[in-house]
Amino acid sequence: MKKILCLILTVLMIFSVISLAGCGQKETLKLGYGMYSALSEVKNADGDNDGSAEALTTIAAVLLDKDGKIVKAAIDTAQNKINFTAKGEAIAPAEMKTKTELGDAYGMKAYAKAPKEWYEQKDAFISVIIGKTIDEVKALQVGDKGNDEVTAAGCTIKITEFIPALEKAVKSAKDSAATADDTLQLGVVSSQNEGKNAADGVEGVNEIMTTAIAVALNSKKEITAAKTDAVITAVKFDDKGVSTTEFGKEIATKYELGDNYGMKAYAKAPKEWYEQADAFDSKLIGKTADGIAAFADDTGKPAEDLTTAGCTINVNDMVKAAIKAATVK
């Protein structure tokens, strides 16, 4: 009788352990984020045309499991035109949308006779990299495009900017509260950072700043993980509309510049930009899109909640990008 009783108790204990394991918390994932930015071309102004530069910034975010495999991924590209006149005047940009935001209006089908639009091809690429490590993702590239697995999925465009952005994302990945049930989204905002005309032998400059935020959202649309970065793409030119700006080189982001960005040294700020971005991200956790609007006033001055956390910079574009990212599509 004692043996039977012991056997029953043992079975009950086993079932209890299994039950508790099944009710346990889901695996939390690492959030990784990367920006790859460069000027793809610079053209001087002439009698008929304004001078121009094309700034390409590709943003990638990933959620990684404990084995370094990609569970979720998000990719977008800001393709911004920076213009100036033959008199060396900086031209303020019109509204700047990412390739994903442009959607069908990007026009790959209409102008390049592509089988799918850019956003559809990007999504096809993402579908292939899910479950892969970064080394397996890098192996997908053949020349400047994807291999047969990638093209068969419906991605026939160049992936040369996708790969380095994803590499950065994986390399920078940090522990977070995000799980596989969460949605991973990007929010991107580009605006003119500075526009100065050339005069008296001094070069003019036109700067575009692209701010991007990656967030993971739970079923309640609350942010469980967040990462912010920004990059400034600048073109210089003389009063004849001739540019001396080199193109083709990668441009470091504000976060990547770290202490070299110089907010402490030149702006006498209490913290560097990357530290302030981290403080901003920390206050995003648990917020929904509706709750982010209160982070700043109309001028971009941060609310007391942010300044107390250590973010005292203008957060206008950061707030806009965060609201975009946290808005369920």
C-alpha atoms as a PDB file:
ATOM      1  CA  MET A   1       0.000   0.000   0.000  1.00  0.00           C
ATOM      2  CA  LYS A   2       2.833   2.354   0.894  1.00  0.00           C
ATOM      3  CA  LYS A   3       4.484   1.624  -2.470  1.00  0.00           C
ATOM      4  CA  ILE A   4       1.289   2.460  -4.344  1.00  0.00           C
ATOM      5  CA  LEU A   5       0.864   5.672  -2.348  1.00  0.00           C
ATOM      6  CA  CYS A   6       4.465   6.690  -3.053  1.00  0.00           C
ATOM      7  CA  LEU A   7       3.966   5.967  -6.742  1.00  0.00           C
ATOM      8  CA  ILE A   8       0.838   8.123  -6.850  1.00  0.00           C
ATOM      9  CA  LEU A   9       2.610  10.987  -5.060  1.00  0.00           C
ATOM     10  CA  THR A  10       5.565  10.741  -7.448  1.00  0.00           C
ATOM     11  CA  VAL A  11       3.266  10.902 -10.493  1.00  0.00           C
ATOM     12  CA  LEU A  12       1.448  13.908  -9.013  1.00  0.00           C
ATOM     13  CA  MET A  13       4.746  15.681  -8.399  1.00  0.00           C
ATOM     14  CA  ILE A  14       5.848  15.088 -11.996  1.00  0.00           C
ATOM     15  CA  PHE A  15       2.583  16.483 -13.345  1.00  0.00           C
ATOM     16  CA  SER A  16       2.918  19.498 -11.028  1.00  0.00           C
ATOM     17  CA  VAL A  17       6.407  20.252 -12.354  1.00  0.00           C
ATOM     18  CA  ILE A  18       5.230  19.918 -15.969  1.00  0.00           C
ATOM     19  CA  SER A  19       2.247  22.148 -15.248  1.00  0.00           C
ATOM     20  CA  LEU A  20       4.376  24.829 -13.631  1.00  0.00           C
ATOM     21  CA  ALA A  21       6.842  24.723 -16.512  1.00  0.00           C
ATOM     22  CA  GLY A  22       3.997  25.209 -18.976  1.00  0.00           C
ATOM     23  CA  CYS A  23       2.754  28.248 -17.037  1.00  0.00           C
ATOM     24  CA  GLY A  24       6.215  29.793 -16.855  1.00  0.00           C
ATOM     25  CA  GLN A  25       7.245  33.026 -18.558  1.00  0.00           C
ATOM     26  CA  LYS A  26       8.062  32.997 -22.246  1.00  0.00           C
ATOM     27  CA  GLU A  27      11.673  33.363 -23.347  1.00  0.00           C
ATOM     28  CA  THR A  28      12.742  36.976 -23.515  1.00  0.00           C
ATOM     29  CA  LEU A  29      14.671  38.051 -26.595  1.00  0.00           C
ATOM     30  CA  LYS A  30      17.515  40.412 -27.369  1.00  0.00           C
ATOM     31  CA  LEU A  31      16.722  43.605 -29.298  1.00  0.00           C
ATOM     32  CA  GLY A  32      19.282  44.604 -31.905  1.00  0.00           C
ATOM     33  CA  TYR A  33      19.364  47.750 -34.024  1.00  0.00           C
ATOM     34  CA  GLY A  34      21.568  49.025 -36.831  1.00  0.00           C
ATOM     35  CA  MET A  35      21.743  51.977 -39.231  1.00  0.00           C
ATOM     36  CA  TYR A  36      23.860  51.969 -42.375  1.00  0.00           C
ATOM     37  CA  SER A  37      24.119  55.380 -44.035  1.00  0.00           C
ATOM     38  CA  ALA A  38      26.079  56.884 -46.920  1.00  0.00           C
ATOM     39  CA  LEU A  39      25.791  59.482 -49.670  1.00  0.00           C
ATOM     40  CA  SER A  40      25.312  57.458 -52.836  1.00  0.00           C
ATOM     41  CA  GLU A  41      26.041  60.354 -55.194  1.00  0.00           C
ATOM     42  CA  VAL A  42      26.754  64.101 -55.294  1.00  0.00           C
ATOM     43  CA  LYS A  43      26.085  66.229 -58.382  1.00  0.00           C
ATOM     44  CA  ASN A  44      27.187  69.837 -58.878  1.00  0.00           C
ATOM     45  CA  ALA A  45      24.688  72.500 -59.897  1.00  0.00           C
ATOM     46  CA  ASP A  46      24.795  73.897 -63.431  1.00  0.00           C
ATOM     47  CA  GLY A  47      22.835  76.431 -65.440  1.00  0.00           C
ATOM     48  CA  ASP A  48      19.833  74.162 -65.797  1.00  0.00           C
ATOM     49  CA  ASN A  49      19.823  71.978 -62.696  1.00  0.00           C
ATOM     50  CA  ASP A  50      20.235  72.361 -58.968  1.00  0.00           C
ATOM     51  CA  GLY A  51      23.042  70.489 -57.287  1.00  0.00           C
ATOM     52  CA  SER A  52      21.998  67.395 -55.405  1.00  0.00           C
ATOM     53  CA  ALA A  53      23.066  64.518 -53.230  1.00  0.00           C
ATOM     54  CA  GLU A  54      21.289  61.298 -52.407  1.00  0.00           C
ATOM     55  CA  ALA A  55      21.497  60.085 -48.837  1.00  0.00           C
ATOM     56  CA  LEU A  56      20.634  56.429 -48.288  1.00  0.00           C
ATOM     57  CA  THR A  57      20.041  55.301 -44.719  1.00  0.00           C
ATOM     58  CA  THR A  58      18.980  51.705 -44.132  1.00  0.00           C
ATOM     59  CA  ILE A  59      17.609  50.793 -40.709  1.00  0.00           C
ATOM     60  CA  ALA A  60      17.350  47.216 -39.433  1.00  0.00           C
ATOM     61  CA  ALA A  61      16.031  45.830 -36.164  1.00  0.00           C
ATOM     62  CA  VAL A  62      15.996  42.241 -34.951  1.00  0.00           C
ATOM     63  CA  LEU A  63      14.768  40.178 -32.033  1.00  0.00           C
ATOM     64  CA  LEU A  64      17.200  37.339 -31.339  1.00  0.00           C
ATOM     65  CA  ASP A  65      16.766  34.144 -29.345  1.00  0.00           C
ATOM     66  CA  LYS A  66      19.385  32.638 -27.034  1.00  0.00           C
ATOM     67  CA  ASP A  67      21.060  30.899 -29.999  1.00  0.00           C
ATOM     68  CA  GLY A  68      21.449  34.130 -31.956  1.00  0.00           C
ATOM     69  CA  LYS A  69      18.706  33.225 -34.437  1.00  0.00           C
ATOM     70  CA  ILE A  70      16.453  35.943 -35.816  1.00  0.00           C
ATOM     71  CA  VAL A  71      12.918  35.610 -34.449  1.00  0.00           C
ATOM     72  CA  LYS A  72      11.585  38.912 -35.780  1.00  0.00           C
ATOM     73  CA  ALA A  73      13.067  41.524 -38.124  1.00  0.00           C
ATOM     74  CA  ALA A  74      12.155  44.940 -39.498  1.00  0.00           C
ATOM     75  CA  ILE A  75      13.915  46.859 -42.286  1.00  0.00           C
ATOM     76  CA  ASP A  76      13.339  50.234 -43.939  1.00  0.00           C
ATOM     77  CA  THR A  77      15.329  52.752 -46.000  1.00  0.00           C
ATOM     78  CA  ALA A  78      15.252  56.540 -46.044  1.00  0.00           C
ATOM     79  CA  GLN A  79      16.283  57.737 -49.510  1.00  0.00           C
ATOM     80  CA  ASN A  80      16.593  61.503 -49.110  1.00  0.00           C
ATOM     81  CA  LYS A  81      17.521  64.143 -51.672  1.00  0.00           C
ATOM     82  CA  ILE A  82      19.711  67.049 -50.500  1.00  0.00           C
ATOM     83  CA  ASN A  83      19.616  69.998 -52.914  1.00  0.00           C
ATOM     84  CA  PHE A  84      21.393  73.334 -53.442  1.00  0.00           C
ATOM     85  CA  THR A  85      21.339  75.992 -56.177  1.00  0.00           C
ATOM     86  CA  ALA A  86      23.968  77.200 -58.634  1.00  0.00           C
ATOM     87  CA  LYS A  87      24.326  80.274 -56.380  1.00  0.00           C
ATOM     88  CA  GLY A  88      25.200  78.136 -53.397  1.00  0.00           C
ATOM     89  CA  GLU A  89      21.846  78.333 -51.656  1.00  0.00           C
ATOM     90  CA  ALA A  90      20.610  75.473 -49.486  1.00  0.00           C
ATOM     91  CA  ILE A  91      17.159  74.248 -50.527  1.00  0.00           C
ATOM     92  CA  ALA A  92      14.805  73.162 -47.770  1.00  0.00           C
ATOM     93  CA  PRO A  93      13.576  69.607 -48.440  1.00  0.00           C
ATOM     94  CA  ALA A  94       9.962  68.672 -49.024  1.00  0.00           C
ATOM     95  CA  GLU A  95       8.305  65.955 -46.940  1.00  0.00           C
ATOM     96  CA  MET A  96      10.610  62.967 -46.748  1.00  0.00           C
ATOM     97  CA  LYS A  97       9.121  59.484 -46.564  1.00  0.00           C
ATOM     98  CA  THR A  98      10.860  56.133 -46.317  1.00  0.00           C
ATOM     99  CA  LYS A  99      10.606  53.548 -49.079  1.00  0.00           C
ATOM    100  CA  THR A 100       8.130  51.552 -47.000  1.00  0.00           C
ATOM    101  CA  GLU A 101       6.010  54.646 -46.319  1.00  0.00           C
ATOM    102  CA  LEU A 102       5.925  55.448 -50.026  1.00  0.00           C
ATOM    103  CA  GLY A 103       4.484  51.996 -50.674  1.00  0.00           C
ATOM    104  CA  ASP A 104       3.220  51.581 -54.226  1.00  0.00           C
ATOM    105  CA  ALA A 105       4.117  55.229 -54.948  1.00  0.00           C
ATOM    106  CA  TYR A 106       7.811  54.311 -54.832  1.00  0.00           C
ATOM    107  CA  GLY A 107       7.200  53.052 -58.350  1.00  0.00           C
ATOM    108  CA  MET A 108       9.378  49.999 -58.860  1.00  0.00           C
ATOM    109  CA  LYS A 109       6.668  48.317 -60.891  1.00  0.00           C
ATOM    110  CA  ALA A 110       5.920  51.375 -62.963  1.00  0.00           C
ATOM    111  CA  TYR A 111       9.446  52.615 -63.683  1.00  0.00           C
ATOM    112  CA  ALA A 112      11.734  49.620 -63.200  1.00  0.00           C
ATOM    113  CA  LYS A 113       9.250  46.985 -64.447  1.00  0.00           C
ATOM    114  CA  ALA A 114       9.887  45.052 -61.238  1.00  0.00           C
ATOM    115  CA  PRO A 115       7.551  42.161 -60.358  1.00  0.00           C
ATOM    116  CA  LYS A 116       6.989  43.574 -56.864  1.00  0.00           C
ATOM    117  CA  GLU A 117       7.253  46.935 -55.132  1.00  0.00           C
ATOM    118  CA  TRP A 118      10.209  47.699 -52.860  1.00  0.00           C
ATOM    119  CA  TYR A 119       8.281  47.132 -49.623  1.00  0.00           C
ATOM    120  CA  GLU A 120       7.015  43.776 -50.899  1.00  0.00           C
ATOM    121  CA  GLN A 121      10.536  42.693 -51.844  1.00  0.00           C
ATOM    122  CA  LYS A 122      11.883  43.833 -48.482  1.00  0.00           C
ATOM    123  CA  ASP A 123       9.188  41.802 -46.729  1.00  0.00           C
ATOM    124  CA  ALA A 124      10.095  38.798 -48.883  1.00  0.00           C
ATOM    125  CA  PHE A 125      13.720  39.124 -47.801  1.00  0.00           C
ATOM    126  CA  ILE A 126      12.678  39.291 -44.153  1.00  0.00           C
ATOM    127  CA  SER A 127      10.645  36.118 -44.546  1.00  0.00           C
ATOM    128  CA  VAL A 128      13.819  34.308 -45.631  1.00  0.00           C
ATOM    129  CA  ILE A 129      16.045  35.458 -42.765  1.00  0.00           C
ATOM    130  CA  ILE A 130      13.665  34.424 -39.958  1.00  0.00           C
ATOM    131  CA  GLY A 131      15.213  31.521 -38.032  1.00  0.00           C
ATOM    132  CA  LYS A 132      18.712  32.220 -39.365  1.00  0.00           C
ATOM    133  CA  THR A 133      21.875  33.444 -37.655  1.00  0.00           C
ATOM    134  CA  ILE A 134      23.703  36.473 -39.042  1.00  0.00           C
ATOM    135  CA  ASP A 135      26.330  34.216 -40.652  1.00  0.00           C
ATOM    136  CA  GLU A 136      23.555  32.359 -42.471  1.00  0.00           C
ATOM    137  CA  VAL A 137      22.047  35.687 -43.529  1.00  0.00           C
ATOM    138  CA  LYS A 138      25.371  36.921 -44.911  1.00  0.00           C
ATOM    139  CA  ALA A 139      25.652  33.706 -46.928  1.00  0.00           C
ATOM    140  CA  LEU A 140      22.450  34.662 -48.760  1.00  0.00           C
ATOM    141  CA  GLN A 141      24.236  37.451 -50.643  1.00  0.00           C
ATOM    142  CA  VAL A 142      25.632  36.719 -54.097  1.00  0.00           C
ATOM    143  CA  GLY A 143      27.183  39.785 -55.695  1.00  0.00           C
ATOM    144  CA  ASP A 144      24.892  42.652 -54.761  1.00  0.00           C
ATOM    145  CA  LYS A 145      21.711  40.557 -54.695  1.00  0.00           C
ATOM    146  CA  GLY A 146      20.322  37.538 -52.900  1.00  0.00           C
ATOM    147  CA  ASN A 147      20.832  33.896 -53.826  1.00  0.00           C
ATOM    148  CA  ASP A 148      18.202  31.571 -55.295  1.00  0.00           C
ATOM    149  CA  GLU A 149      16.429  31.222 -51.938  1.00  0.00           C
ATOM    150  CA  VAL A 150      16.012  35.000 -51.726  1.00  0.00           C
ATOM    151  CA  THR A 151      14.915  35.548 -55.323  1.00  0.00           C
ATOM    152  CA  ALA A 152      12.510  32.591 -55.158  1.00  0.00           C
ATOM    153  CA  ALA A 153      10.853  34.262 -52.166  1.00  0.00           C
ATOM    154  CA  GLY A 154      10.254  37.372 -54.279  1.00  0.00           C
ATOM    155  CA  CYS A 155      13.227  39.637 -53.488  1.00  0.00           C
ATOM    156  CA  THR A 156      15.163  40.548 -56.639  1.00  0.00           C
ATOM    157  CA  ILE A 157      16.520  43.940 -55.510  1.00  0.00           C
ATOM    158  CA  LYS A 158      20.008  44.697 -54.226  1.00  0.00           C
ATOM    159  CA  ILE A 159      20.547  43.707 -50.594  1.00  0.00           C
ATOM    160  CA  THR A 160      23.928  45.377 -50.174  1.00  0.00           C
ATOM    161  CA  GLU A 161      22.594  47.840 -47.566  1.00  0.00           C
ATOM    162  CA  PHE A 162      20.415  45.264 -45.793  1.00  0.00           C
ATOM    163  CA  ILE A 163      23.345  43.061 -44.800  1.00  0.00           C
ATOM    164  CA  PRO A 164      25.564  45.634 -43.000  1.00  0.00           C
ATOM    165  CA  ALA A 165      22.540  47.115 -41.216  1.00  0.00           C
ATOM    166  CA  LEU A 166      21.557  43.634 -40.022  1.00  0.00           C
ATOM    167  CA  GLU A 167      25.138  42.883 -38.985  1.00  0.00           C
ATOM    168  CA  LYS A 168      25.143  45.998 -36.836  1.00  0.00           C
ATOM    169  CA  ALA A 169      21.762  45.066 -35.385  1.00  0.00           C
ATOM    170  CA  VAL A 170      22.905  41.602 -34.353  1.00  0.00           C
ATOM    171  CA  LYS A 171      26.213  42.877 -32.975  1.00  0.00           C
ATOM    172  CA  SER A 172      24.484  45.515 -30.832  1.00  0.00           C
ATOM    173  CA  ALA A 173      21.700  43.237 -29.541  1.00  0.00           C
ATOM    174  CA  LYS A 174      20.978  43.520 -25.826  1.00  0.00           C
ATOM    175  CA  ASP A 175      18.682  41.752 -23.406  1.00  0.00           C
ATOM    176  CA  SER A 176      15.121  43.056 -23.357  1.00  0.00           C
ATOM    177  CA  ALA A 177      11.650  42.186 -22.098  1.00  0.00           C
ATOM    178  CA  ALA A 178      10.382  41.467 -25.633  1.00  0.00           C
ATOM    179  CA  THR A 179       9.095  37.993 -26.501  1.00  0.00           C
ATOM    180  CA  ALA A 180       8.280  36.145 -29.710  1.00  0.00           C
ATOM    181  CA  ASP A 181       4.642  37.202 -29.345  1.00  0.00           C
ATOM    182  CA  ASP A 182       5.580  40.871 -29.675  1.00  0.00           C
ATOM    183  CA  THR A 183       5.455  42.918 -32.876  1.00  0.00           C
ATOM    184  CA  LEU A 184       8.686  44.584 -34.047  1.00  0.00           C
ATOM    185  CA  GLN A 185       8.260  47.952 -35.786  1.00  0.00           C
ATOM    186  CA  LEU A 186      10.301  50.933 -36.968  1.00  0.00           C
ATOM    187  CA  GLY A 187       9.534  54.635 -36.929  1.00  0.00           C
ATOM    188  CA  VAL A 188      11.632  56.947 -39.123  1.00  0.00           C
ATOM    189  CA  VAL A 189      11.623  60.753 -39.368  1.00  0.00           C
ATOM    190  CA  SER A 190      13.892  62.874 -41.598  1.00  0.00           C
ATOM    191  CA  SER A 191      14.149  66.659 -41.358  1.00  0.00           C
ATOM    192  CA  GLN A 192      16.509  69.488 -42.261  1.00  0.00           C
ATOM    193  CA  ASN A 193      19.062  69.831 -39.476  1.00  0.00           C
ATOM    194  CA  GLU A 194      20.808  72.888 -40.892  1.00  0.00           C
ATOM    195  CA  GLY A 195      20.615  74.892 -44.113  1.00  0.00           C
ATOM    196  CA  LYS A 196      23.263  77.578 -44.628  1.00  0.00           C
ATOM    197  CA  ASN A 197      23.971  79.419 -47.889  1.00  0.00           C
ATOM    198  CA  ALA A 198      27.504  79.862 -49.227  1.00  0.00           C
ATOM    199  CA  ALA A 199      28.769  83.445 -48.919  1.00  0.00           C
ATOM    200  CA  ASP A 200      32.015  85.433 -48.956  1.00  0.00           C
ATOM    201  CA  GLY A 201      34.164  82.440 -49.762  1.00  0.00           C
ATOM    202  CA  VAL A 202      32.633  80.332 -46.992  1.00  0.00           C
ATOM    203  CA  GLU A 203      31.006  77.069 -48.059  1.00  0.00           C
ATOM    204  CA  GLY A 204      27.303  76.543 -47.580  1.00  0.00           C
ATOM    205  CA  VAL A 205      25.902  73.379 -46.063  1.00  0.00           C
ATOM    206  CA  ASN A 206      22.649  71.450 -46.230  1.00  0.00           C
ATOM    207  CA  GLU A 207      22.148  68.813 -43.539  1.00  0.00           C
ATOM    208  CA  ILE A 208      19.431  66.183 -43.249  1.00  0.00           C
ATOM    209  CA  MET A 209      18.994  64.321 -39.984  1.00  0.00           C
ATOM    210  CA  THR A 210      17.293  60.926 -40.011  1.00  0.00           C
ATOM    211  CA  THR A 211      16.029  59.731 -36.635  1.00  0.00           C
ATOM    212  CA  ALA A 212      14.859  56.137 -36.331  1.00  0.00           C
ATOM    213  CA  ILE A 213      13.429  54.099 -33.472  1.00  0.00           C
ATOM    214  CA  ALA A 214      12.775  50.364 -33.197  1.00  0.00           C
ATOM    215  CA  VAL A 215      10.176  49.135 -30.720  1.00  0.00           C
ATOM    216  CA  ALA A 216       8.702  45.816 -29.693  1.00  0.00           C
ATOM    217  CA  LEU A 217       4.981  45.959 -28.874  1.00  0.00           C
ATOM    218  CA  ASN A 218       3.003  43.495 -26.786  1.00  0.00           C
ATOM    219  CA  SER A 219      -0.662  42.560 -27.280  1.00  0.00           C
ATOM    220  CA  LYS A 220      -1.706  45.667 -25.326  1.00  0.00           C
ATOM    221  CA  LYS A 221       0.274  47.832 -27.785  1.00  0.00           C
ATOM    222  CA  GLU A 222       2.712  48.660 -24.985  1.00  0.00           C
ATOM    223  CA  ILE A 223       6.414  49.056 -25.717  1.00  0.00           C
ATOM    224  CA  THR A 224       8.478  46.231 -24.234  1.00  0.00           C
ATOM    225  CA  ALA A 225      11.812  47.217 -25.826  1.00  0.00           C
ATOM    226  CA  ALA A 226      13.107  50.293 -27.655  1.00  0.00           C
ATOM    227  CA  LYS A 227      16.229  51.612 -29.357  1.00  0.00           C
ATOM    228  CA  THR A 228      16.850  55.069 -30.837  1.00  0.00           C
ATOM    229  CA  ASP A 229      19.577  56.394 -33.120  1.00  0.00           C
ATOM    230  CA  ALA A 230      20.067  59.230 -35.603  1.00  0.00           C
ATOM    231  CA  VAL A 231      22.429  60.136 -38.414  1.00  0.00           C
ATOM    232  CA  ILE A 232      23.270  63.461 -40.049  1.00  0.00           C
ATOM    233  CA  THR A 233      23.970  63.445 -43.786  1.00  0.00           C
ATOM    234  CA  ALA A 234      25.528  66.731 -44.922  1.00  0.00           C
ATOM    235  CA  VAL A 235      26.567  68.259 -48.246  1.00  0.00           C
ATOM    236  CA  LYS A 236      28.837  71.279 -48.580  1.00  0.00           C
ATOM    237  CA  PHE A 237      29.034  73.559 -51.648  1.00  0.00           C
ATOM    238  CA  ASP A 238      30.464  76.895 -52.776  1.00  0.00           C
ATOM    239  CA  ASP A 239      28.680  79.945 -54.188  1.00  0.00           C
ATOM    240  CA  LYS A 240      28.913  78.466 -57.689  1.00  0.00           C
ATOM    241  CA  GLY A 241      27.008  75.344 -56.705  1.00  0.00           C
ATOM    242  CA  VAL A 242      30.089  73.125 -56.755  1.00  0.00           C
ATOM    243  CA  SER A 243      30.319  70.530 -53.991  1.00  0.00           C
ATOM    244  CA  THR A 244      33.463  69.268 -52.319  1.00  0.00           C
ATOM    245  CA  THR A 245      31.662  66.558 -50.367  1.00  0.00           C
ATOM    246  CA  GLU A 246      32.957  63.018 -50.725  1.00  0.00           C
ATOM    247  CA  PHE A 247      30.358  60.314 -51.310  1.00  0.00           C
ATOM    248  CA  GLY A 248      30.332  56.533 -51.019  1.00  0.00           C
ATOM    249  CA  LYS A 249      31.762  56.409 -47.485  1.00  0.00           C
ATOM    250  CA  GLU A 250      29.744  55.139 -44.553  1.00  0.00           C
ATOM    251  CA  ILE A 251      28.561  57.868 -42.188  1.00  0.00           C
ATOM    252  CA  ALA A 252      28.662  57.125 -38.467  1.00  0.00           C
ATOM    253  CA  THR A 253      25.468  57.602 -36.473  1.00  0.00           C
ATOM    254  CA  LYS A 254      25.232  59.764 -33.362  1.00  0.00           C
ATOM    255  CA  TYR A 255      25.146  56.668 -31.178  1.00  0.00           C
ATOM    256  CA  GLU A 256      28.173  55.175 -32.928  1.00  0.00           C
ATOM    257  CA  LEU A 257      30.144  58.406 -32.465  1.00  0.00           C
ATOM    258  CA  GLY A 258      29.699  58.008 -28.720  1.00  0.00           C
ATOM    259  CA  ASP A 259      31.725  60.514 -26.711  1.00  0.00           C
ATOM    260  CA  ASN A 260      33.185  61.893 -29.957  1.00  0.00           C
ATOM    261  CA  TYR A 261      29.826  63.432 -30.852  1.00  0.00           C
ATOM    262  CA  GLY A 262      30.893  66.118 -28.405  1.00  0.00           C
ATOM    263  CA  MET A 263      27.747  67.279 -26.652  1.00  0.00           C
ATOM    264  CA  LYS A 264      29.611  67.629 -23.374  1.00  0.00           C
ATOM    265  CA  ALA A 265      32.602  69.372 -24.900  1.00  0.00           C
ATOM    266  CA  TYR A 266      30.834  71.801 -27.248  1.00  0.00           C
ATOM    267  CA  ALA A 267      27.286  72.161 -25.943  1.00  0.00           C
ATOM    268  CA  LYS A 268      28.163  71.813 -22.249  1.00  0.00           C
ATOM    269  CA  ALA A 269      25.472  69.137 -21.975  1.00  0.00           C
ATOM    270  CA  PRO A 270      25.366  67.015 -18.806  1.00  0.00           C
ATOM    271  CA  LYS A 271      25.344  63.810 -20.864  1.00  0.00           C
ATOM    272  CA  GLU A 272      26.431  62.733 -24.356  1.00  0.00           C
ATOM    273  CA  TRP A 273      23.811  62.156 -27.053  1.00  0.00           C
ATOM    274  CA  TYR A 274      23.928  58.356 -26.797  1.00  0.00           C
ATOM    275  CA  GLU A 275      23.373  58.544 -23.033  1.00  0.00           C
ATOM    276  CA  GLN A 276      20.411  60.852 -23.524  1.00  0.00           C
ATOM    277  CA  ALA A 277      18.996  58.524 -26.199  1.00  0.00           C
ATOM    278  CA  ASP A 278      19.265  55.643 -23.725  1.00  0.00           C
ATOM    279  CA  ALA A 279      17.374  57.733 -21.162  1.00  0.00           C
ATOM    280  CA  PHE A 280      14.679  58.466 -23.754  1.00  0.00           C
ATOM    281  CA  ASP A 281      14.369  54.762 -24.590  1.00  0.00           C
ATOM    282  CA  SER A 282      14.067  53.833 -20.929  1.00  0.00           C
ATOM    283  CA  LYS A 283      11.001  56.073 -20.586  1.00  0.00           C
ATOM    284  CA  LEU A 284       9.342  54.471 -23.628  1.00  0.00           C
ATOM    285  CA  ILE A 285       8.993  51.102 -21.889  1.00  0.00           C
ATOM    286  CA  GLY A 286       5.385  50.417 -20.975  1.00  0.00           C
ATOM    287  CA  LYS A 287       4.072  53.318 -23.058  1.00  0.00           C
ATOM    288  CA  THR A 288       1.614  53.192 -25.966  1.00  0.00           C
ATOM    289  CA  ALA A 289       1.631  55.532 -28.969  1.00  0.00           C
ATOM    290  CA  ASP A 290      -0.906  57.788 -27.234  1.00  0.00           C
ATOM    291  CA  GLY A 291       1.291  58.140 -24.169  1.00  0.00           C
ATOM    292  CA  ILE A 292       4.387  59.272 -26.083  1.00  0.00           C
ATOM    293  CA  ALA A 293       2.949  62.593 -27.295  1.00  0.00           C
ATOM    294  CA  ALA A 294       3.268  64.025 -23.767  1.00  0.00           C
ATOM    295  CA  PHE A 295       7.056  63.535 -23.841  1.00  0.00           C
ATOM    296  CA  ALA A 296       7.646  67.034 -25.268  1.00  0.00           C
ATOM    297  CA  ASP A 297       5.988  70.388 -25.967  1.00  0.00           C
ATOM    298  CA  ASP A 298       5.460  71.803 -29.468  1.00  0.00           C
ATOM    299  CA  THR A 299       9.064  73.032 -29.671  1.00  0.00           C
ATOM    300  CA  GLY A 300      10.559  69.644 -28.799  1.00  0.00           C
ATOM    301  CA  LYS A 301      11.531  70.602 -25.250  1.00  0.00           C
ATOM    302  CA  PRO A 302      11.442  67.385 -23.180  1.00  0.00           C
ATOM    303  CA  ALA A 303       8.942  66.961 -20.383  1.00  0.00           C
ATOM    304  CA  GLU A 304      10.110  66.824 -16.765  1.00  0.00           C
ATOM    305  CA  ASP A 305       9.800  63.036 -16.812  1.00  0.00           C
ATOM    306  CA  LEU A 306      12.508  62.891 -19.481  1.00  0.00           C
ATOM    307  CA  THR A 307      14.809  65.532 -18.047  1.00  0.00           C
ATOM    308  CA  THR A 308      14.745  63.775 -14.682  1.00  0.00           C
ATOM    309  CA  ALA A 309      15.786  60.556 -16.441  1.00  0.00           C
ATOM    310  CA  GLY A 310      18.688  62.390 -18.096  1.00  0.00           C
ATOM    311  CA  CYS A 311      17.318  63.417 -21.495  1.00  0.00           C
ATOM    312  CA  THR A 312      17.554  67.209 -21.875  1.00  0.00           C
ATOM    313  CA  ILE A 313      17.995  67.526 -25.664  1.00  0.00           C
ATOM    314  CA  ASN A 314      15.361  68.533 -28.204  1.00  0.00           C
ATOM    315  CA  VAL A 315      13.297  65.381 -28.724  1.00  0.00           C
ATOM    316  CA  ASN A 316      10.888  66.614 -31.404  1.00  0.00           C
ATOM    317  CA  ASP A 317      11.934  64.111 -34.088  1.00  0.00           C
ATOM    318  CA  MET A 318      12.491  61.362 -31.514  1.00  0.00           C
ATOM    319  CA  VAL A 319       8.915  61.722 -30.281  1.00  0.00           C
ATOM    320  CA  LYS A 320       7.551  61.711 -33.841  1.00  0.00           C
ATOM    321  CA  ALA A 321       9.581  58.610 -34.720  1.00  0.00           C
ATOM    322  CA  ALA A 322       8.540  56.849 -31.510  1.00  0.00           C
ATOM    323  CA  ILE A 323       4.844  57.529 -32.163  1.00  0.00           C
ATOM    324  CA  LYS A 324       5.235  56.137 -35.685  1.00  0.00           C
ATOM    325  CA  ALA A 325       6.996  53.056 -34.382  1.00  0.00           C
ATOM    326  CA  ALA A 326       4.418  52.415 -31.657  1.00  0.00           C
ATOM    327  CA  THR A 327       1.418  52.851 -33.938  1.00  0.00           C
ATOM    328  CA  VAL A 328       0.113  49.400 -34.814  1.00  0.00           C
ATOM    329  CA  LYS A 329      -0.039  49.102 -38.583  1.00  0.00           C
END
